[in-house]
Amino acid sequence: QVQLVESGGGLVQAGGSLRLSCVASGRTFSSYVMGWFRQAPGKEREFVAAIGQSGTRTHYADSVKGRFTISRDNAKNTVYLQMNRLKPEDTAVFYCATRAEVYYSIRTRPDEYDYWGQGTQVTVSS
């Protein structure tokens, strides 16, 4: 059974930084694309970033490009999201996610991901 557990959220002032972590268990972590999504109150869940199996392929939403960095440590079964220059509009619950099958393409729609963590709250004050 695949389990994803996020951590690292919190309250930060605008312009600050946070690093989210997501630890995966239940299967061979290095074989699967990993993604980060977020959902703000009253809004749909949206793609933030994703990373390929080896960590060399990454993809970002335009809204976070240049501010956020996704990375992974396959030895630790962990994917990270380093968030810099945070803005109040980044306030949301952040989720990590992965797919059930081994695909090499990076996808950005939430319905293309099968397993989700419980989420971690990120609040950015102005």
N, C-alpha and C. Protein backbone atom coordinates (compact mmCIF):
# COMPACT_ATOMS: atom_id res chain seq x y z
N GLN A 1 0.84 -1.19 0.00
CA GLN A 1 0.00 0.00 0.00
C GLN A 1 0.88 1.25 0.00
N VAL A 2 0.63 2.12 -0.95
CA VAL A 2 1.42 3.34 -1.07
C VAL A 2 0.95 4.35 -0.04
N GLN A 3 1.90 4.91 0.68
CA GLN A 3 1.59 5.98 1.63
C GLN A 3 2.50 7.16 1.37
N LEU A 4 1.92 8.35 1.44
CA LEU A 4 2.65 9.59 1.26
C LEU A 4 2.37 10.48 2.47
N VAL A 5 3.44 10.97 3.09
CA VAL A 5 3.28 11.80 4.28
C VAL A 5 4.06 13.10 4.09
N GLU A 6 3.31 14.20 4.04
CA GLU A 6 3.92 15.51 3.87
C GLU A 6 4.24 16.15 5.22
N SER A 7 5.21 17.03 5.20
CA SER A 7 5.55 17.82 6.38
C SER A 7 6.23 19.10 5.92
N GLY A 8 6.38 20.04 6.86
CA GLY A 8 7.14 21.25 6.57
C GLY A 8 6.31 22.50 6.37
N GLY A 9 5.00 22.36 6.37
CA GLY A 9 4.17 23.54 6.21
C GLY A 9 4.22 24.42 7.45
N GLY A 10 3.61 25.60 7.32
CA GLY A 10 3.58 26.51 8.46
C GLY A 10 3.17 27.90 8.04
N LEU A 11 3.37 28.84 8.96
CA LEU A 11 3.04 30.24 8.74
C LEU A 11 4.34 31.01 8.48
N VAL A 12 4.36 31.77 7.42
CA VAL A 12 5.55 32.53 7.05
C VAL A 12 5.13 33.88 6.50
N GLN A 13 5.97 34.86 6.66
CA GLN A 13 5.69 36.18 6.10
C GLN A 13 6.00 36.19 4.60
N ALA A 14 5.34 37.07 3.91
CA ALA A 14 5.60 37.25 2.48
C ALA A 14 7.09 37.53 2.27
N GLY A 15 7.64 36.86 1.25
CA GLY A 15 9.06 36.97 0.98
C GLY A 15 9.90 35.90 1.64
N GLY A 16 9.29 35.16 2.54
CA GLY A 16 10.01 34.11 3.26
C GLY A 16 10.08 32.81 2.48
N SER A 17 10.61 31.80 3.15
CA SER A 17 10.84 30.49 2.52
C SER A 17 10.34 29.36 3.42
N LEU A 18 9.98 28.28 2.78
CA LEU A 18 9.65 27.03 3.46
C LEU A 18 10.13 25.89 2.59
N ARG A 19 10.43 24.75 3.23
CA ARG A 19 10.73 23.54 2.47
C ARG A 19 9.79 22.44 2.91
N LEU A 20 9.02 21.95 1.95
CA LEU A 20 8.12 20.84 2.21
C LEU A 20 8.83 19.53 1.88
N SER A 21 8.46 18.50 2.64
CA SER A 21 8.97 17.16 2.40
C SER A 21 7.81 16.20 2.27
N CYS A 22 8.02 15.16 1.50
CA CYS A 22 7.01 14.11 1.35
C CYS A 22 7.75 12.78 1.34
N VAL A 23 7.48 11.97 2.35
CA VAL A 23 8.10 10.65 2.44
C VAL A 23 7.12 9.61 1.92
N ALA A 24 7.61 8.78 1.02
CA ALA A 24 6.78 7.75 0.41
C ALA A 24 7.18 6.37 0.93
N SER A 25 6.20 5.48 1.00
CA SER A 25 6.47 4.11 1.40
C SER A 25 5.52 3.18 0.67
N GLY A 26 5.86 1.92 0.64
CA GLY A 26 4.97 0.92 0.08
C GLY A 26 5.35 0.39 -1.29
N ARG A 27 6.35 1.02 -1.91
CA ARG A 27 6.81 0.50 -3.21
C ARG A 27 8.15 1.15 -3.53
N THR A 28 8.71 0.81 -4.69
CA THR A 28 10.02 1.33 -5.09
C THR A 28 9.88 2.79 -5.51
N PHE A 29 10.27 3.68 -4.63
CA PHE A 29 10.07 5.12 -4.82
C PHE A 29 10.69 5.61 -6.12
N SER A 30 11.87 5.15 -6.44
CA SER A 30 12.63 5.70 -7.56
C SER A 30 12.02 5.40 -8.92
N SER A 31 11.00 4.56 -8.98
CA SER A 31 10.41 4.19 -10.26
C SER A 31 9.29 5.12 -10.71
N TYR A 32 8.91 6.07 -9.88
CA TYR A 32 7.68 6.82 -10.14
C TYR A 32 7.90 8.33 -10.15
N VAL A 33 7.17 8.95 -11.08
CA VAL A 33 7.08 10.41 -11.10
C VAL A 33 6.37 10.87 -9.83
N MET A 34 6.85 11.98 -9.28
CA MET A 34 6.24 12.57 -8.09
C MET A 34 5.79 14.00 -8.41
N GLY A 35 4.69 14.39 -7.82
CA GLY A 35 4.17 15.74 -8.06
C GLY A 35 3.76 16.43 -6.77
N TRP A 36 3.74 17.75 -6.85
CA TRP A 36 3.19 18.59 -5.78
C TRP A 36 2.00 19.37 -6.36
N PHE A 37 0.93 19.42 -5.59
CA PHE A 37 -0.26 20.17 -5.94
C PHE A 37 -0.64 21.04 -4.74
N ARG A 38 -1.53 21.98 -4.96
CA ARG A 38 -2.03 22.79 -3.85
C ARG A 38 -3.49 23.12 -4.08
N GLN A 39 -4.17 23.39 -2.97
CA GLN A 39 -5.57 23.76 -3.03
C GLN A 39 -5.85 24.85 -2.02
N ALA A 40 -6.25 25.99 -2.54
CA ALA A 40 -6.63 27.12 -1.69
C ALA A 40 -8.12 27.04 -1.39
N PRO A 41 -8.57 27.67 -0.31
CA PRO A 41 -10.00 27.62 0.04
C PRO A 41 -10.86 28.12 -1.11
N GLY A 42 -11.87 27.34 -1.45
CA GLY A 42 -12.81 27.72 -2.49
C GLY A 42 -12.29 27.55 -3.90
N LYS A 43 -11.10 26.99 -4.05
CA LYS A 43 -10.52 26.82 -5.38
C LYS A 43 -10.25 25.35 -5.66
N GLU A 44 -10.08 25.04 -6.93
CA GLU A 44 -9.76 23.69 -7.31
C GLU A 44 -8.28 23.39 -7.03
N ARG A 45 -8.02 22.09 -6.88
CA ARG A 45 -6.64 21.67 -6.69
C ARG A 45 -5.86 21.97 -7.98
N GLU A 46 -4.65 22.51 -7.82
CA GLU A 46 -3.87 22.88 -8.99
C GLU A 46 -2.45 22.33 -8.92
N PHE A 47 -1.90 22.11 -10.08
CA PHE A 47 -0.55 21.61 -10.21
C PHE A 47 0.45 22.66 -9.77
N VAL A 48 1.50 22.21 -9.09
CA VAL A 48 2.59 23.11 -8.69
C VAL A 48 3.89 22.71 -9.38
N ALA A 49 4.28 21.44 -9.21
CA ALA A 49 5.56 20.98 -9.78
C ALA A 49 5.56 19.46 -9.82
N ALA A 50 6.40 18.93 -10.70
CA ALA A 50 6.57 17.48 -10.77
C ALA A 50 8.00 17.16 -11.15
N ILE A 51 8.41 15.94 -10.84
CA ILE A 51 9.79 15.54 -11.08
C ILE A 51 9.83 14.10 -11.56
N GLY A 52 10.70 13.85 -12.53
CA GLY A 52 10.85 12.51 -13.05
C GLY A 52 11.62 11.61 -12.11
N GLN A 53 11.76 10.36 -12.55
CA GLN A 53 12.27 9.33 -11.67
C GLN A 53 13.69 9.61 -11.16
N SER A 54 14.56 10.09 -12.05
CA SER A 54 15.95 10.30 -11.66
C SER A 54 16.19 11.68 -11.06
N GLY A 55 15.23 12.55 -11.21
CA GLY A 55 15.37 13.90 -10.69
C GLY A 55 15.87 14.91 -11.71
N THR A 56 16.20 14.46 -12.91
CA THR A 56 16.74 15.38 -13.91
C THR A 56 15.65 16.11 -14.69
N ARG A 57 14.47 15.55 -14.73
CA ARG A 57 13.34 16.19 -15.42
C ARG A 57 12.40 16.81 -14.41
N THR A 58 12.14 18.08 -14.59
CA THR A 58 11.20 18.78 -13.72
C THR A 58 10.27 19.65 -14.55
N HIS A 59 9.13 19.98 -13.96
CA HIS A 59 8.16 20.83 -14.64
C HIS A 59 7.45 21.65 -13.58
N TYR A 60 7.20 22.92 -13.87
CA TYR A 60 6.60 23.83 -12.89
C TYR A 60 5.41 24.57 -13.48
N ALA A 61 4.47 24.90 -12.61
CA ALA A 61 3.42 25.82 -12.99
C ALA A 61 4.05 27.20 -13.19
N ASP A 62 3.49 27.97 -14.11
CA ASP A 62 4.03 29.30 -14.39
C ASP A 62 4.04 30.17 -13.14
N SER A 63 3.06 29.98 -12.28
CA SER A 63 2.92 30.84 -11.11
C SER A 63 4.04 30.65 -10.09
N VAL A 64 4.77 29.54 -10.17
CA VAL A 64 5.82 29.28 -9.18
C VAL A 64 7.20 29.19 -9.81
N LYS A 65 7.26 29.24 -11.12
CA LYS A 65 8.54 29.09 -11.81
C LYS A 65 9.51 30.19 -11.37
N GLY A 66 10.72 29.79 -11.04
CA GLY A 66 11.72 30.73 -10.58
C GLY A 66 11.71 30.97 -9.08
N ARG A 67 10.66 30.51 -8.40
CA ARG A 67 10.56 30.68 -6.94
C ARG A 67 10.60 29.34 -6.21
N PHE A 68 10.02 28.31 -6.81
CA PHE A 68 9.95 27.00 -6.18
C PHE A 68 10.89 26.04 -6.91
N THR A 69 11.43 25.08 -6.14
CA THR A 69 12.29 24.05 -6.71
C THR A 69 11.88 22.70 -6.16
N ILE A 70 11.60 21.78 -7.07
CA ILE A 70 11.28 20.41 -6.67
C ILE A 70 12.54 19.57 -6.80
N SER A 71 12.72 18.65 -5.86
CA SER A 71 13.87 17.75 -5.92
C SER A 71 13.48 16.45 -5.22
N ARG A 72 14.32 15.46 -5.37
CA ARG A 72 14.03 14.18 -4.72
C ARG A 72 15.32 13.51 -4.29
N ASP A 73 15.20 12.71 -3.25
CA ASP A 73 16.30 11.89 -2.77
C ASP A 73 15.80 10.45 -2.76
N ASN A 74 16.16 9.70 -3.78
CA ASN A 74 15.63 8.35 -3.90
C ASN A 74 16.13 7.42 -2.80
N ALA A 75 17.27 7.72 -2.23
CA ALA A 75 17.78 6.91 -1.13
C ALA A 75 16.95 7.09 0.13
N LYS A 76 16.28 8.24 0.23
CA LYS A 76 15.45 8.53 1.41
C LYS A 76 13.96 8.44 1.11
N ASN A 77 13.62 8.04 -0.11
CA ASN A 77 12.20 7.93 -0.50
C ASN A 77 11.46 9.25 -0.26
N THR A 78 12.10 10.34 -0.56
CA THR A 78 11.56 11.66 -0.22
C THR A 78 11.62 12.60 -1.40
N VAL A 79 10.54 13.36 -1.57
CA VAL A 79 10.51 14.44 -2.54
C VAL A 79 10.34 15.75 -1.77
N TYR A 80 11.00 16.78 -2.25
CA TYR A 80 11.01 18.07 -1.57
C TYR A 80 10.41 19.16 -2.46
N LEU A 81 9.92 20.20 -1.82
CA LEU A 81 9.52 21.40 -2.53
C LEU A 81 10.09 22.58 -1.76
N GLN A 82 11.14 23.17 -2.30
CA GLN A 82 11.72 24.38 -1.71
C GLN A 82 10.96 25.57 -2.26
N MET A 83 10.39 26.36 -1.36
CA MET A 83 9.57 27.50 -1.76
C MET A 83 10.20 28.77 -1.26
N ASN A 84 10.63 29.62 -2.18
CA ASN A 84 11.25 30.89 -1.85
C ASN A 84 10.38 32.04 -2.31
N ARG A 85 10.64 33.22 -1.78
CA ARG A 85 9.90 34.45 -2.17
C ARG A 85 8.40 34.18 -2.14
N LEU A 86 7.94 33.61 -1.05
CA LEU A 86 6.53 33.26 -0.94
C LEU A 86 5.64 34.49 -0.96
N LYS A 87 4.45 34.32 -1.52
CA LYS A 87 3.47 35.38 -1.65
C LYS A 87 2.19 34.97 -0.93
N PRO A 88 1.37 35.93 -0.51
CA PRO A 88 0.09 35.57 0.13
C PRO A 88 -0.76 34.65 -0.74
N GLU A 89 -0.68 34.81 -2.05
CA GLU A 89 -1.48 33.95 -2.93
C GLU A 89 -0.96 32.52 -3.01
N ASP A 90 0.16 32.23 -2.38
CA ASP A 90 0.63 30.84 -2.28
C ASP A 90 -0.05 30.10 -1.13
N THR A 91 -0.81 30.80 -0.31
CA THR A 91 -1.50 30.17 0.81
C THR A 91 -2.43 29.06 0.31
N ALA A 92 -2.23 27.85 0.83
CA ALA A 92 -3.00 26.70 0.38
C ALA A 92 -2.58 25.48 1.20
N VAL A 93 -3.34 24.42 1.03
CA VAL A 93 -2.89 23.11 1.50
C VAL A 93 -2.10 22.48 0.35
N PHE A 94 -0.90 22.04 0.64
CA PHE A 94 -0.02 21.45 -0.35
C PHE A 94 -0.02 19.93 -0.20
N TYR A 95 -0.17 19.25 -1.33
CA TYR A 95 -0.22 17.80 -1.37
C TYR A 95 0.86 17.24 -2.27
N CYS A 96 1.46 16.14 -1.86
CA CYS A 96 2.28 15.40 -2.82
C CYS A 96 1.45 14.24 -3.36
N ALA A 97 1.82 13.81 -4.54
CA ALA A 97 1.04 12.79 -5.23
C ALA A 97 1.93 11.98 -6.15
N THR A 98 1.46 10.79 -6.47
CA THR A 98 2.19 9.95 -7.41
C THR A 98 1.20 9.09 -8.19
N ARG A 99 1.70 8.46 -9.22
CA ARG A 99 0.84 7.69 -10.09
C ARG A 99 0.95 6.21 -9.76
N ALA A 100 -0.08 5.47 -10.13
CA ALA A 100 -0.11 4.04 -9.82
C ALA A 100 0.83 3.25 -10.73
N GLU A 101 0.97 3.69 -11.96
CA GLU A 101 1.79 2.97 -12.93
C GLU A 101 3.10 3.70 -13.17
N VAL A 102 4.05 2.97 -13.75
CA VAL A 102 5.34 3.56 -14.08
C VAL A 102 5.22 4.25 -15.43
N TYR A 103 5.04 5.55 -15.40
CA TYR A 103 5.04 6.35 -16.60
C TYR A 103 6.24 7.28 -16.57
N TYR A 104 6.79 7.60 -17.71
CA TYR A 104 7.95 8.49 -17.75
C TYR A 104 7.57 9.91 -18.11
N SER A 105 6.36 10.09 -18.59
CA SER A 105 5.93 11.44 -18.91
C SER A 105 5.47 12.14 -17.63
N ILE A 106 5.69 13.44 -17.57
CA ILE A 106 5.26 14.23 -16.42
C ILE A 106 3.88 14.80 -16.73
N ARG A 107 2.95 14.54 -15.85
CA ARG A 107 1.57 15.00 -16.02
C ARG A 107 1.26 16.11 -15.03
N THR A 108 0.26 16.92 -15.38
CA THR A 108 -0.05 18.08 -14.54
C THR A 108 -1.49 18.11 -14.04
N ARG A 109 -2.33 17.21 -14.46
CA ARG A 109 -3.73 17.21 -14.01
C ARG A 109 -3.85 16.36 -12.75
N PRO A 110 -4.60 16.84 -11.76
CA PRO A 110 -4.79 16.04 -10.54
C PRO A 110 -5.38 14.66 -10.82
N ASP A 111 -6.27 14.55 -11.81
CA ASP A 111 -6.90 13.25 -12.06
C ASP A 111 -5.97 12.24 -12.71
N GLU A 112 -4.76 12.68 -13.02
CA GLU A 112 -3.77 11.76 -13.56
C GLU A 112 -2.89 11.15 -12.47
N TYR A 113 -3.15 11.52 -11.24
CA TYR A 113 -2.40 10.99 -10.10
C TYR A 113 -3.32 10.14 -9.25
N ASP A 114 -2.77 9.07 -8.71
CA ASP A 114 -3.60 8.07 -8.04
C ASP A 114 -3.46 8.05 -6.52
N TYR A 115 -2.30 8.42 -6.03
CA TYR A 115 -2.06 8.37 -4.58
C TYR A 115 -1.72 9.77 -4.09
N TRP A 116 -2.30 10.10 -2.92
CA TRP A 116 -2.15 11.45 -2.37
C TRP A 116 -1.80 11.38 -0.90
N GLY A 117 -1.02 12.37 -0.45
CA GLY A 117 -0.81 12.52 0.97
C GLY A 117 -1.97 13.25 1.62
N GLN A 118 -1.85 13.49 2.91
CA GLN A 118 -2.93 14.13 3.66
C GLN A 118 -2.88 15.65 3.55
N GLY A 119 -1.77 16.18 3.06
CA GLY A 119 -1.63 17.61 2.87
C GLY A 119 -0.96 18.30 4.05
N THR A 120 -0.33 19.43 3.75
CA THR A 120 0.28 20.26 4.78
C THR A 120 -0.06 21.72 4.48
N GLN A 121 -0.48 22.44 5.49
CA GLN A 121 -0.96 23.81 5.31
C GLN A 121 0.22 24.78 5.21
N VAL A 122 0.16 25.62 4.20
CA VAL A 122 1.11 26.72 4.05
C VAL A 122 0.32 28.02 4.07
N THR A 123 0.67 28.90 5.00
CA THR A 123 -0.01 30.19 5.11
C THR A 123 1.04 31.29 5.01
N VAL A 124 0.82 32.19 4.08
CA VAL A 124 1.75 33.29 3.86
C VAL A 124 1.04 34.59 4.22
N SER A 125 1.57 35.28 5.21
CA SER A 125 0.94 36.53 5.65
C SER A 125 1.57 37.72 4.92
N SER A 126 0.75 38.74 4.73
CA SER A 126 1.23 39.92 4.00
C SER A 126 1.84 40.95 4.93
